[in-house]
Amino acid sequence: MKEIRRQIKERSFYKVYLLTGDENYLVMQARHLLKEALVADGDEMNYTLFEDTRIDMQHLKELALTYPFFSEKRLLMLDRTGILKSGKDALIDIMENMPETTCMVISEPEIDKRSKAYKWIKKNGYVAEFLKKNQTEKVLLRWVATLLSKEKKQIRENDARYFLERVGDDMFQIKNETEKLISYVGERTEITREDIEAIASGEVQNKIFDMVSAIAQGNKTQALNYYNDLILLKEPPMHILFLIIRQYRILLMICNMRSLHKPDKEIAQAAGIPVFAIRKNESQLRGYNLKSLEKCIASCIEMEEQIKTGRISDQMAVELLIVGLSEKKI
């Protein structure tokens, strides 16, 4: 993000940007900054957005080769289109022949770094990879403090850590919950732990965490209550199942690497979580061991297969899975 801000300040742009990674908030921020810098607000003549759709490559080529109309730049924004897979050689041809007045910004959450298109952009354009694992506790604490200071609010470091543990590491969630806290305290300058407990709600992933904890304790009633809460939040059962599997895999990774005496940084990188989140996840391992975690994951995958083959509905399948895992001796 610092490099993109530098390019904007110096008005020194690449023709092609690739924004990728699982930290969606920063990807969105980078897109917004580039759009603001390259085209005027409301300039529909020189700005085209493609999103979640199959792209007509001929149409894209025509736009890419067209000079801007009363503007320094023409901006083509391609958001989650899968063009790095579908476009291939045609995309490279377009990028190679674009005039300097055209800027193409491609954002994809996942990419194949072996592809020709990626290698071309890496060599000739600018690749910005935003990863949650790079967002350390220190970075997020500083960001929260910055958000609060802009509104003339402050928070003790221990309370800020508690806030992050409660809302998770997703930057969208952190920002939303911070704004709620600012509104809640009104004219008061200091945000306390009591304010956090009153306002800051746990994100979906935290509910998944609590559900897995309830399963480990054999408390199927509580586990099903968490599941029903997620359904009321309109979370699709298949997404809930995906998050349950993800949580078990995180625990398995931590459990296995701890037994090998690996450092926290290496564990966090392998598990795909921030270093500060390891403590919270380790607290859940009291109910599990390597063998039981492997069995839980196997049960989840088996239920996923039954859903995909149409042998059972998704909502009933996840309910039965939760009950089954809760009743097993772990």
C-alpha atoms as a PDB file:
ATOM      1  CA  MET A   1       0.000   0.000   0.000  1.00  0.00           C
ATOM      2  CA  LYS A   2       2.882   2.359   0.780  1.00  0.00           C
ATOM      3  CA  GLU A   3       4.341   1.770  -2.702  1.00  0.00           C
ATOM      4  CA  ILE A   4       0.994   2.443  -4.390  1.00  0.00           C
ATOM      5  CA  ARG A   5       0.637   5.664  -2.416  1.00  0.00           C
ATOM      6  CA  ARG A   6       4.146   6.666  -3.547  1.00  0.00           C
ATOM      7  CA  GLN A   7       3.286   6.038  -7.199  1.00  0.00           C
ATOM      8  CA  ILE A   8       0.120   8.104  -6.853  1.00  0.00           C
ATOM      9  CA  LYS A   9       1.999  10.963  -5.194  1.00  0.00           C
ATOM     10  CA  GLU A  10       4.634  10.984  -7.929  1.00  0.00           C
ATOM     11  CA  ARG A  11       2.075  10.409 -10.706  1.00  0.00           C
ATOM     12  CA  SER A  12       4.178   7.490 -11.882  1.00  0.00           C
ATOM     13  CA  PHE A  13       1.800   4.694 -12.872  1.00  0.00           C
ATOM     14  CA  TYR A  14       2.193   1.254 -14.404  1.00  0.00           C
ATOM     15  CA  LYS A  15      -0.045   0.257 -17.296  1.00  0.00           C
ATOM     16  CA  VAL A  16      -1.195  -2.875 -15.464  1.00  0.00           C
ATOM     17  CA  TYR A  17      -1.791  -3.554 -11.756  1.00  0.00           C
ATOM     18  CA  LEU A  18      -2.597  -6.933 -10.237  1.00  0.00           C
ATOM     19  CA  LEU A  19      -4.097  -6.750  -6.739  1.00  0.00           C
ATOM     20  CA  THR A  20      -4.380 -10.102  -5.005  1.00  0.00           C
ATOM     21  CA  GLY A  21      -4.492 -11.821  -1.616  1.00  0.00           C
ATOM     22  CA  ASP A  22      -6.976 -12.719   1.113  1.00  0.00           C
ATOM     23  CA  GLU A  23      -6.964  -9.313   2.857  1.00  0.00           C
ATOM     24  CA  ASN A  24      -9.986  -7.984   0.984  1.00  0.00           C
ATOM     25  CA  TYR A  25     -10.069  -4.671   2.834  1.00  0.00           C
ATOM     26  CA  LEU A  26      -6.627  -3.638   1.590  1.00  0.00           C
ATOM     27  CA  VAL A  27      -7.382  -4.854  -1.944  1.00  0.00           C
ATOM     28  CA  MET A  28     -10.509  -2.677  -1.936  1.00  0.00           C
ATOM     29  CA  GLN A  29      -8.555   0.289  -0.552  1.00  0.00           C
ATOM     30  CA  ALA A  30      -5.890  -0.065  -3.252  1.00  0.00           C
ATOM     31  CA  ARG A  31      -8.565  -0.193  -5.967  1.00  0.00           C
ATOM     32  CA  HIS A  32     -10.208   2.913  -4.533  1.00  0.00           C
ATOM     33  CA  LEU A  33      -6.941   4.855  -4.323  1.00  0.00           C
ATOM     34  CA  LEU A  34      -6.006   4.013  -7.908  1.00  0.00           C
ATOM     35  CA  LYS A  35      -9.428   4.923  -9.228  1.00  0.00           C
ATOM     36  CA  GLU A  36      -9.397   8.270  -7.408  1.00  0.00           C
ATOM     37  CA  ALA A  37      -5.936   9.028  -8.774  1.00  0.00           C
ATOM     38  CA  LEU A  38      -6.515   7.961 -12.379  1.00  0.00           C
ATOM     39  CA  VAL A  39     -10.002   9.237 -13.294  1.00  0.00           C
ATOM     40  CA  ALA A  40     -12.259  12.001 -12.056  1.00  0.00           C
ATOM     41  CA  ASP A  41     -15.264  11.133  -9.927  1.00  0.00           C
ATOM     42  CA  GLY A  42     -18.265  10.378 -12.170  1.00  0.00           C
ATOM     43  CA  ASP A  43     -16.159  10.110 -15.358  1.00  0.00           C
ATOM     44  CA  GLU A  44     -18.004   7.276 -17.091  1.00  0.00           C
ATOM     45  CA  MET A  45     -16.368   8.015 -20.445  1.00  0.00           C
ATOM     46  CA  ASN A  46     -12.929   6.938 -19.245  1.00  0.00           C
ATOM     47  CA  TYR A  47     -13.797   4.353 -16.600  1.00  0.00           C
ATOM     48  CA  THR A  48     -15.133   0.837 -17.188  1.00  0.00           C
ATOM     49  CA  LEU A  49     -15.767  -1.767 -14.499  1.00  0.00           C
ATOM     50  CA  PHE A  50     -15.941  -5.495 -15.208  1.00  0.00           C
ATOM     51  CA  GLU A  51     -16.929  -7.655 -12.241  1.00  0.00           C
ATOM     52  CA  ASP A  52     -17.916 -11.275 -11.657  1.00  0.00           C
ATOM     53  CA  THR A  53     -18.658 -11.750 -15.320  1.00  0.00           C
ATOM     54  CA  ARG A  54     -17.312 -13.353 -18.468  1.00  0.00           C
ATOM     55  CA  ILE A  55     -15.482 -10.727 -20.479  1.00  0.00           C
ATOM     56  CA  ASP A  56     -15.813 -10.204 -24.222  1.00  0.00           C
ATOM     57  CA  MET A  57     -12.112 -10.026 -25.081  1.00  0.00           C
ATOM     58  CA  GLN A  58     -12.751  -8.087 -28.290  1.00  0.00           C
ATOM     59  CA  HIS A  59     -14.699  -5.451 -26.356  1.00  0.00           C
ATOM     60  CA  LEU A  60     -11.936  -5.272 -23.740  1.00  0.00           C
ATOM     61  CA  LYS A  61      -9.340  -4.858 -26.479  1.00  0.00           C
ATOM     62  CA  GLU A  62     -11.271  -2.026 -28.131  1.00  0.00           C
ATOM     63  CA  LEU A  63     -11.534  -0.173 -24.818  1.00  0.00           C
ATOM     64  CA  ALA A  64      -7.885  -0.798 -23.934  1.00  0.00           C
ATOM     65  CA  LEU A  65      -6.655   0.615 -27.244  1.00  0.00           C
ATOM     66  CA  THR A  66      -8.926   3.678 -27.132  1.00  0.00           C
ATOM     67  CA  TYR A  67      -7.326   6.928 -26.018  1.00  0.00           C
ATOM     68  CA  PRO A  68      -9.023   8.764 -23.115  1.00  0.00           C
ATOM     69  CA  PHE A  69     -11.559  11.522 -23.760  1.00  0.00           C
ATOM     70  CA  PHE A  70     -10.468  14.829 -22.179  1.00  0.00           C
ATOM     71  CA  SER A  71      -8.565  12.935 -19.495  1.00  0.00           C
ATOM     72  CA  GLU A  72      -4.989  11.915 -18.809  1.00  0.00           C
ATOM     73  CA  LYS A  73      -5.897   8.252 -18.331  1.00  0.00           C
ATOM     74  CA  ARG A  74      -8.468   5.619 -19.265  1.00  0.00           C
ATOM     75  CA  LEU A  75      -9.067   3.104 -16.450  1.00  0.00           C
ATOM     76  CA  LEU A  76     -10.245  -0.486 -16.906  1.00  0.00           C
ATOM     77  CA  MET A  77     -11.105  -2.158 -13.586  1.00  0.00           C
ATOM     78  CA  LEU A  78     -11.427  -5.970 -13.690  1.00  0.00           C
ATOM     79  CA  ASP A  79     -12.709  -7.287 -10.352  1.00  0.00           C
ATOM     80  CA  ARG A  80     -12.877 -11.065  -9.749  1.00  0.00           C
ATOM     81  CA  THR A  81     -13.450 -11.854 -13.422  1.00  0.00           C
ATOM     82  CA  GLY A  82     -11.079 -14.823 -13.593  1.00  0.00           C
ATOM     83  CA  ILE A  83      -9.479 -13.274 -16.672  1.00  0.00           C
ATOM     84  CA  LEU A  84      -5.994 -14.509 -15.761  1.00  0.00           C
ATOM     85  CA  LYS A  85      -7.342 -18.015 -16.371  1.00  0.00           C
ATOM     86  CA  SER A  86      -9.822 -17.364 -19.171  1.00  0.00           C
ATOM     87  CA  GLY A  87      -8.009 -14.587 -21.043  1.00  0.00           C
ATOM     88  CA  LYS A  88      -4.542 -16.149 -21.314  1.00  0.00           C
ATOM     89  CA  ASP A  89      -2.699 -15.183 -24.523  1.00  0.00           C
ATOM     90  CA  ALA A  90      -5.396 -12.729 -25.635  1.00  0.00           C
ATOM     91  CA  LEU A  91      -4.969 -10.780 -22.396  1.00  0.00           C
ATOM     92  CA  ILE A  92      -1.201 -10.617 -22.827  1.00  0.00           C
ATOM     93  CA  ASP A  93      -1.661  -9.325 -26.365  1.00  0.00           C
ATOM     94  CA  ILE A  94      -3.988  -6.575 -25.096  1.00  0.00           C
ATOM     95  CA  MET A  95      -1.649  -5.551 -22.266  1.00  0.00           C
ATOM     96  CA  GLU A  96       1.372  -5.429 -24.590  1.00  0.00           C
ATOM     97  CA  ASN A  97      -0.355  -3.159 -27.084  1.00  0.00           C
ATOM     98  CA  MET A  98      -2.163  -0.788 -24.712  1.00  0.00           C
ATOM     99  CA  PRO A  99      -1.083   2.853 -24.965  1.00  0.00           C
ATOM    100  CA  GLU A 100       0.480   4.489 -21.905  1.00  0.00           C
ATOM    101  CA  THR A 101      -2.779   6.379 -21.427  1.00  0.00           C
ATOM    102  CA  THR A 102      -4.653   3.169 -20.517  1.00  0.00           C
ATOM    103  CA  CYS A 103      -4.367   1.650 -17.055  1.00  0.00           C
ATOM    104  CA  MET A 104      -5.760  -1.814 -16.290  1.00  0.00           C
ATOM    105  CA  VAL A 105      -6.327  -2.825 -12.658  1.00  0.00           C
ATOM    106  CA  ILE A 106      -7.009  -6.536 -12.135  1.00  0.00           C
ATOM    107  CA  SER A 107      -8.055  -7.815  -8.712  1.00  0.00           C
ATOM    108  CA  GLU A 108      -8.259 -11.555  -8.042  1.00  0.00           C
ATOM    109  CA  PRO A 109      -8.283 -13.226  -4.607  1.00  0.00           C
ATOM    110  CA  GLU A 110      -6.322 -16.235  -5.894  1.00  0.00           C
ATOM    111  CA  ILE A 111      -3.854 -16.472  -8.757  1.00  0.00           C
ATOM    112  CA  ASP A 112      -1.662 -19.032 -10.463  1.00  0.00           C
ATOM    113  CA  LYS A 113       1.853 -17.626 -10.298  1.00  0.00           C
ATOM    114  CA  ARG A 114       2.939 -20.100 -12.974  1.00  0.00           C
ATOM    115  CA  SER A 115       0.640 -18.601 -15.614  1.00  0.00           C
ATOM    116  CA  LYS A 116       1.989 -16.554 -18.529  1.00  0.00           C
ATOM    117  CA  ALA A 117      -0.332 -13.650 -17.723  1.00  0.00           C
ATOM    118  CA  TYR A 118       0.921 -13.427 -14.124  1.00  0.00           C
ATOM    119  CA  LYS A 119       4.549 -13.604 -15.216  1.00  0.00           C
ATOM    120  CA  TRP A 120       3.945 -10.860 -17.801  1.00  0.00           C
ATOM    121  CA  ILE A 121       2.384  -8.550 -15.191  1.00  0.00           C
ATOM    122  CA  LYS A 122       5.134  -9.354 -12.679  1.00  0.00           C
ATOM    123  CA  LYS A 123       7.752  -8.333 -15.250  1.00  0.00           C
ATOM    124  CA  ASN A 124       6.010  -5.394 -16.920  1.00  0.00           C
ATOM    125  CA  GLY A 125       3.386  -4.180 -14.452  1.00  0.00           C
ATOM    126  CA  TYR A 126       2.942  -4.060 -10.692  1.00  0.00           C
ATOM    127  CA  VAL A 127       1.774  -6.928  -8.462  1.00  0.00           C
ATOM    128  CA  ALA A 128       0.499  -6.063  -4.972  1.00  0.00           C
ATOM    129  CA  GLU A 129      -0.223  -9.041  -2.711  1.00  0.00           C
ATOM    130  CA  PHE A 130      -2.232  -8.285   0.436  1.00  0.00           C
ATOM    131  CA  LEU A 131      -2.190 -11.171   2.922  1.00  0.00           C
ATOM    132  CA  LYS A 132      -3.869 -11.519   6.302  1.00  0.00           C
ATOM    133  CA  LYS A 133      -0.811 -13.329   7.654  1.00  0.00           C
ATOM    134  CA  ASN A 134       1.190 -10.114   7.202  1.00  0.00           C
ATOM    135  CA  GLN A 135      -1.241  -8.192   9.408  1.00  0.00           C
ATOM    136  CA  THR A 136       0.486  -8.749  12.743  1.00  0.00           C
ATOM    137  CA  GLU A 137      -1.067  -7.858  16.075  1.00  0.00           C
ATOM    138  CA  LYS A 138       1.235  -4.836  16.261  1.00  0.00           C
ATOM    139  CA  VAL A 139       0.096  -3.595  12.835  1.00  0.00           C
ATOM    140  CA  LEU A 140      -3.595  -4.041  13.647  1.00  0.00           C
ATOM    141  CA  LEU A 141      -3.235  -2.416  17.095  1.00  0.00           C
ATOM    142  CA  ARG A 142      -1.597   0.599  15.483  1.00  0.00           C
ATOM    143  CA  TRP A 143      -4.349   0.760  12.859  1.00  0.00           C
ATOM    144  CA  VAL A 144      -7.100   0.645  15.510  1.00  0.00           C
ATOM    145  CA  ALA A 145      -5.333   3.417  17.442  1.00  0.00           C
ATOM    146  CA  THR A 146      -5.171   5.502  14.238  1.00  0.00           C
ATOM    147  CA  LEU A 147      -8.864   5.001  13.498  1.00  0.00           C
ATOM    148  CA  LEU A 148      -9.740   6.066  17.039  1.00  0.00           C
ATOM    149  CA  SER A 149      -7.363   9.025  17.169  1.00  0.00           C
ATOM    150  CA  LYS A 150      -8.971  10.510  14.059  1.00  0.00           C
ATOM    151  CA  GLU A 151     -12.154  10.770  16.145  1.00  0.00           C
ATOM    152  CA  LYS A 152     -10.224  11.932  19.234  1.00  0.00           C
ATOM    153  CA  LYS A 153     -10.740   8.637  21.030  1.00  0.00           C
ATOM    154  CA  GLN A 154      -8.218   6.481  22.876  1.00  0.00           C
ATOM    155  CA  ILE A 155      -7.966   2.946  24.219  1.00  0.00           C
ATOM    156  CA  ARG A 156      -5.596   1.101  26.537  1.00  0.00           C
ATOM    157  CA  GLU A 157      -3.329  -1.430  24.813  1.00  0.00           C
ATOM    158  CA  ASN A 158      -4.687  -4.400  26.784  1.00  0.00           C
ATOM    159  CA  ASP A 159      -8.250  -3.402  25.895  1.00  0.00           C
ATOM    160  CA  ALA A 160      -7.266  -2.995  22.245  1.00  0.00           C
ATOM    161  CA  ARG A 161      -5.871  -6.544  22.299  1.00  0.00           C
ATOM    162  CA  TYR A 162      -9.109  -7.776  23.852  1.00  0.00           C
ATOM    163  CA  PHE A 163     -11.023  -5.937  21.116  1.00  0.00           C
ATOM    164  CA  LEU A 164      -9.034  -7.741  18.384  1.00  0.00           C
ATOM    165  CA  GLU A 165      -9.515 -11.110  20.080  1.00  0.00           C
ATOM    166  CA  ARG A 166     -13.247 -10.461  20.144  1.00  0.00           C
ATOM    167  CA  VAL A 167     -13.797  -9.184  16.599  1.00  0.00           C
ATOM    168  CA  GLY A 168     -11.111 -11.164  14.768  1.00  0.00           C
ATOM    169  CA  ASP A 169      -8.481 -10.122  12.257  1.00  0.00           C
ATOM    170  CA  ASP A 170     -10.693  -9.180   9.305  1.00  0.00           C
ATOM    171  CA  MET A 171     -10.070  -5.498   8.601  1.00  0.00           C
ATOM    172  CA  PHE A 172     -13.618  -4.856   7.367  1.00  0.00           C
ATOM    173  CA  GLN A 173     -14.928  -6.244  10.650  1.00  0.00           C
ATOM    174  CA  ILE A 174     -12.407  -4.280  12.713  1.00  0.00           C
ATOM    175  CA  LYS A 175     -13.332  -1.016  10.986  1.00  0.00           C
ATOM    176  CA  ASN A 176     -17.086  -1.622  11.342  1.00  0.00           C
ATOM    177  CA  GLU A 177     -16.798  -2.505  15.027  1.00  0.00           C
ATOM    178  CA  THR A 178     -14.507   0.471  15.670  1.00  0.00           C
ATOM    179  CA  GLU A 179     -17.074   2.813  14.142  1.00  0.00           C
ATOM    180  CA  LYS A 180     -19.776   1.268  16.352  1.00  0.00           C
ATOM    181  CA  LEU A 181     -17.631   1.855  19.448  1.00  0.00           C
ATOM    182  CA  ILE A 182     -17.014   5.487  18.487  1.00  0.00           C
ATOM    183  CA  SER A 183     -20.761   6.080  18.099  1.00  0.00           C
ATOM    184  CA  TYR A 184     -21.543   4.239  21.338  1.00  0.00           C
ATOM    185  CA  VAL A 185     -19.224   6.259  23.600  1.00  0.00           C
ATOM    186  CA  GLY A 186     -20.424   9.592  22.230  1.00  0.00           C
ATOM    187  CA  GLU A 187     -18.516  12.535  23.694  1.00  0.00           C
ATOM    188  CA  ARG A 188     -16.468  10.318  26.013  1.00  0.00           C
ATOM    189  CA  THR A 189     -12.838  10.063  24.881  1.00  0.00           C
ATOM    190  CA  GLU A 190     -11.730   6.741  26.397  1.00  0.00           C
ATOM    191  CA  ILE A 191     -13.035   3.386  25.175  1.00  0.00           C
ATOM    192  CA  THR A 192     -13.128   0.750  27.926  1.00  0.00           C
ATOM    193  CA  ARG A 193     -13.412  -3.032  28.032  1.00  0.00           C
ATOM    194  CA  GLU A 194     -17.014  -2.602  29.194  1.00  0.00           C
ATOM    195  CA  ASP A 195     -17.759  -0.659  25.996  1.00  0.00           C
ATOM    196  CA  ILE A 196     -16.205  -3.439  23.931  1.00  0.00           C
ATOM    197  CA  GLU A 197     -18.266  -6.107  25.677  1.00  0.00           C
ATOM    198  CA  ALA A 198     -21.421  -4.062  25.207  1.00  0.00           C
ATOM    199  CA  ILE A 199     -20.978  -3.293  21.516  1.00  0.00           C
ATOM    200  CA  ALA A 200     -18.332  -5.334  19.713  1.00  0.00           C
ATOM    201  CA  SER A 201     -19.950  -8.425  18.270  1.00  0.00           C
ATOM    202  CA  GLY A 202     -17.997 -11.515  17.303  1.00  0.00           C
ATOM    203  CA  GLU A 203     -17.659 -12.097  13.587  1.00  0.00           C
ATOM    204  CA  VAL A 204     -18.813 -15.239  11.800  1.00  0.00           C
ATOM    205  CA  GLN A 205     -15.420 -16.911  12.235  1.00  0.00           C
ATOM    206  CA  ASN A 206     -15.619 -16.297  16.003  1.00  0.00           C
ATOM    207  CA  LYS A 207     -19.010 -18.012  16.139  1.00  0.00           C
ATOM    208  CA  ILE A 208     -17.456 -20.936  14.268  1.00  0.00           C
ATOM    209  CA  PHE A 209     -14.668 -20.978  16.865  1.00  0.00           C
ATOM    210  CA  ASP A 210     -17.194 -21.006  19.709  1.00  0.00           C
ATOM    211  CA  MET A 211     -19.159 -23.757  17.973  1.00  0.00           C
ATOM    212  CA  VAL A 212     -16.063 -25.967  17.677  1.00  0.00           C
ATOM    213  CA  SER A 213     -15.303 -25.303  21.371  1.00  0.00           C
ATOM    214  CA  ALA A 214     -18.822 -26.391  22.303  1.00  0.00           C
ATOM    215  CA  ILE A 215     -18.381 -29.538  20.184  1.00  0.00           C
ATOM    216  CA  ALA A 216     -15.100 -30.324  21.985  1.00  0.00           C
ATOM    217  CA  GLN A 217     -16.925 -30.026  25.316  1.00  0.00           C
ATOM    218  CA  GLY A 218     -19.673 -32.362  24.086  1.00  0.00           C
ATOM    219  CA  ASN A 219     -22.240 -29.566  24.448  1.00  0.00           C
ATOM    220  CA  LYS A 220     -24.325 -30.247  21.347  1.00  0.00           C
ATOM    221  CA  THR A 221     -27.141 -27.916  22.474  1.00  0.00           C
ATOM    222  CA  GLN A 222     -24.790 -24.943  22.662  1.00  0.00           C
ATOM    223  CA  ALA A 223     -23.096 -25.936  19.395  1.00  0.00           C
ATOM    224  CA  LEU A 224     -26.479 -26.077  17.625  1.00  0.00           C
ATOM    225  CA  ASN A 225     -27.399 -22.695  19.111  1.00  0.00           C
ATOM    226  CA  TYR A 226     -24.305 -21.191  17.474  1.00  0.00           C
ATOM    227  CA  TYR A 227     -25.245 -22.891  14.226  1.00  0.00           C
ATOM    228  CA  ASN A 228     -28.760 -21.463  14.366  1.00  0.00           C
ATOM    229  CA  ASP A 229     -27.309 -17.996  15.040  1.00  0.00           C
ATOM    230  CA  LEU A 230     -25.258 -18.304  11.860  1.00  0.00           C
ATOM    231  CA  ILE A 231     -28.305 -19.409   9.871  1.00  0.00           C
ATOM    232  CA  LEU A 232     -30.194 -16.356  11.168  1.00  0.00           C
ATOM    233  CA  LEU A 233     -27.262 -14.249   9.937  1.00  0.00           C
ATOM    234  CA  LYS A 234     -28.012 -15.785   6.514  1.00  0.00           C
ATOM    235  CA  GLU A 235     -24.771 -17.751   6.355  1.00  0.00           C
ATOM    236  CA  PRO A 236     -25.197 -20.605   3.816  1.00  0.00           C
ATOM    237  CA  PRO A 237     -24.795 -24.067   5.432  1.00  0.00           C
ATOM    238  CA  MET A 238     -22.072 -24.997   2.928  1.00  0.00           C
ATOM    239  CA  HIS A 239     -20.088 -21.918   3.914  1.00  0.00           C
ATOM    240  CA  ILE A 240     -20.519 -22.807   7.582  1.00  0.00           C
ATOM    241  CA  LEU A 241     -19.242 -26.319   6.813  1.00  0.00           C
ATOM    242  CA  PHE A 242     -16.263 -24.841   4.959  1.00  0.00           C
ATOM    243  CA  LEU A 243     -15.425 -22.660   7.985  1.00  0.00           C
ATOM    244  CA  ILE A 244     -15.765 -25.608  10.386  1.00  0.00           C
ATOM    245  CA  ILE A 245     -13.313 -27.610   8.268  1.00  0.00           C
ATOM    246  CA  ARG A 246     -10.980 -24.604   8.105  1.00  0.00           C
ATOM    247  CA  GLN A 247     -11.033 -24.251  11.896  1.00  0.00           C
ATOM    248  CA  TYR A 248     -10.233 -27.929  12.426  1.00  0.00           C
ATOM    249  CA  ARG A 249      -7.374 -27.697   9.933  1.00  0.00           C
ATOM    250  CA  ILE A 250      -5.958 -24.658  11.749  1.00  0.00           C
ATOM    251  CA  LEU A 251      -6.092 -26.598  15.032  1.00  0.00           C
ATOM    252  CA  LEU A 252      -4.490 -29.653  13.417  1.00  0.00           C
ATOM    253  CA  MET A 253      -1.683 -27.524  12.010  1.00  0.00           C
ATOM    254  CA  ILE A 254      -1.020 -25.848  15.376  1.00  0.00           C
ATOM    255  CA  CYS A 255      -1.190 -29.134  17.274  1.00  0.00           C
ATOM    256  CA  ASN A 256       1.195 -30.864  14.864  1.00  0.00           C
ATOM    257  CA  MET A 257       3.727 -28.022  14.625  1.00  0.00           C
ATOM    258  CA  ARG A 258       3.698 -27.416  18.385  1.00  0.00           C
ATOM    259  CA  SER A 259       4.674 -31.061  18.872  1.00  0.00           C
ATOM    260  CA  LEU A 260       7.638 -30.375  16.573  1.00  0.00           C
ATOM    261  CA  HIS A 261       8.546 -27.253  18.626  1.00  0.00           C
ATOM    262  CA  LYS A 262       8.104 -24.861  15.693  1.00  0.00           C
ATOM    263  CA  PRO A 263       8.127 -21.096  16.420  1.00  0.00           C
ATOM    264  CA  ASP A 264       4.907 -19.061  16.445  1.00  0.00           C
ATOM    265  CA  LYS A 265       5.746 -17.175  13.257  1.00  0.00           C
ATOM    266  CA  GLU A 266       6.227 -20.395  11.285  1.00  0.00           C
ATOM    267  CA  ILE A 267       3.020 -21.892  12.721  1.00  0.00           C
ATOM    268  CA  ALA A 268       1.004 -18.780  11.870  1.00  0.00           C
ATOM    269  CA  GLN A 269       2.303 -18.764   8.311  1.00  0.00           C
ATOM    270  CA  ALA A 270       1.461 -22.439   7.789  1.00  0.00           C
ATOM    271  CA  ALA A 271      -1.996 -22.082   9.369  1.00  0.00           C
ATOM    272  CA  GLY A 272      -2.784 -18.856   7.510  1.00  0.00           C
ATOM    273  CA  ILE A 273      -3.567 -16.850  10.648  1.00  0.00           C
ATOM    274  CA  PRO A 274      -1.921 -13.879  12.412  1.00  0.00           C
ATOM    275  CA  VAL A 275       0.649 -14.714  15.096  1.00  0.00           C
ATOM    276  CA  PHE A 276      -1.513 -13.150  17.809  1.00  0.00           C
ATOM    277  CA  ALA A 277      -4.374 -15.548  16.945  1.00  0.00           C
ATOM    278  CA  ILE A 278      -2.317 -18.595  17.889  1.00  0.00           C
ATOM    279  CA  ARG A 279      -2.934 -18.061  21.623  1.00  0.00           C
ATOM    280  CA  LYS A 280      -6.689 -18.085  21.160  1.00  0.00           C
ATOM    281  CA  ASN A 281      -6.635 -21.208  18.994  1.00  0.00           C
ATOM    282  CA  GLU A 282      -4.290 -23.053  21.328  1.00  0.00           C
ATOM    283  CA  SER A 283      -6.785 -22.567  24.147  1.00  0.00           C
ATOM    284  CA  GLN A 284      -9.197 -24.717  22.148  1.00  0.00           C
ATOM    285  CA  LEU A 285      -6.754 -27.608  21.815  1.00  0.00           C
ATOM    286  CA  ARG A 286      -7.489 -28.749  25.362  1.00  0.00           C
ATOM    287  CA  GLY A 287     -10.431 -30.650  23.935  1.00  0.00           C
ATOM    288  CA  TYR A 288      -8.547 -32.251  21.057  1.00  0.00           C
ATOM    289  CA  ASN A 289      -5.464 -34.193  20.005  1.00  0.00           C
ATOM    290  CA  LEU A 290      -3.972 -35.008  16.587  1.00  0.00           C
ATOM    291  CA  LYS A 291      -5.967 -38.206  16.133  1.00  0.00           C
ATOM    292  CA  SER A 292      -9.301 -36.690  17.130  1.00  0.00           C
ATOM    293  CA  LEU A 293      -8.750 -33.636  14.892  1.00  0.00           C
ATOM    294  CA  GLU A 294      -8.022 -35.886  11.912  1.00  0.00           C
ATOM    295  CA  LYS A 295     -11.249 -37.804  12.636  1.00  0.00           C
ATOM    296  CA  CYS A 296     -13.249 -34.576  12.831  1.00  0.00           C
ATOM    297  CA  ILE A 297     -11.896 -33.396   9.485  1.00  0.00           C
ATOM    298  CA  ALA A 298     -12.635 -36.803   7.922  1.00  0.00           C
ATOM    299  CA  SER A 299     -16.234 -36.629   9.210  1.00  0.00           C
ATOM    300  CA  CYS A 300     -16.656 -33.137   7.760  1.00  0.00           C
ATOM    301  CA  ILE A 301     -15.317 -34.189   4.349  1.00  0.00           C
ATOM    302  CA  GLU A 302     -17.567 -37.240   4.321  1.00  0.00           C
ATOM    303  CA  MET A 303     -20.630 -35.065   5.049  1.00  0.00           C
ATOM    304  CA  GLU A 304     -19.558 -32.593   2.363  1.00  0.00           C
ATOM    305  CA  GLU A 305     -19.471 -35.453  -0.148  1.00  0.00           C
ATOM    306  CA  GLN A 306     -22.998 -36.544   0.824  1.00  0.00           C
ATOM    307  CA  ILE A 307     -24.275 -32.991   0.265  1.00  0.00           C
ATOM    308  CA  LYS A 308     -22.590 -32.662  -3.131  1.00  0.00           C
ATOM    309  CA  THR A 309     -23.963 -36.011  -4.325  1.00  0.00           C
ATOM    310  CA  GLY A 310     -27.497 -35.010  -3.286  1.00  0.00           C
ATOM    311  CA  ARG A 311     -27.931 -37.685  -0.618  1.00  0.00           C
ATOM    312  CA  ILE A 312     -28.846 -35.122   2.052  1.00  0.00           C
ATOM    313  CA  SER A 313     -29.799 -31.438   2.242  1.00  0.00           C
ATOM    314  CA  ASP A 314     -27.043 -29.041   3.268  1.00  0.00           C
ATOM    315  CA  GLN A 315     -28.764 -27.621   6.368  1.00  0.00           C
ATOM    316  CA  MET A 316     -29.706 -31.038   7.771  1.00  0.00           C
ATOM    317  CA  ALA A 317     -26.243 -32.393   6.972  1.00  0.00           C
ATOM    318  CA  VAL A 318     -24.448 -29.724   8.996  1.00  0.00           C
ATOM    319  CA  GLU A 319     -26.874 -30.174  11.910  1.00  0.00           C
ATOM    320  CA  LEU A 320     -26.229 -33.939  11.935  1.00  0.00           C
ATOM    321  CA  LEU A 321     -22.499 -33.349  11.680  1.00  0.00           C
ATOM    322  CA  ILE A 322     -22.501 -31.025  14.704  1.00  0.00           C
ATOM    323  CA  VAL A 323     -24.515 -33.516  16.756  1.00  0.00           C
ATOM    324  CA  GLY A 324     -22.302 -36.396  15.671  1.00  0.00           C
ATOM    325  CA  LEU A 325     -19.047 -34.606  16.502  1.00  0.00           C
ATOM    326  CA  SER A 326     -20.421 -33.485  19.867  1.00  0.00           C
ATOM    327  CA  GLU A 327     -21.393 -37.015  20.857  1.00  0.00           C
ATOM    328  CA  LYS A 328     -18.030 -38.574  20.010  1.00  0.00           C
ATOM    329  CA  LYS A 329     -15.524 -39.090  22.781  1.00  0.00           C
ATOM    330  CA  ILE A 330     -12.631 -36.878  21.827  1.00  0.00           C
END
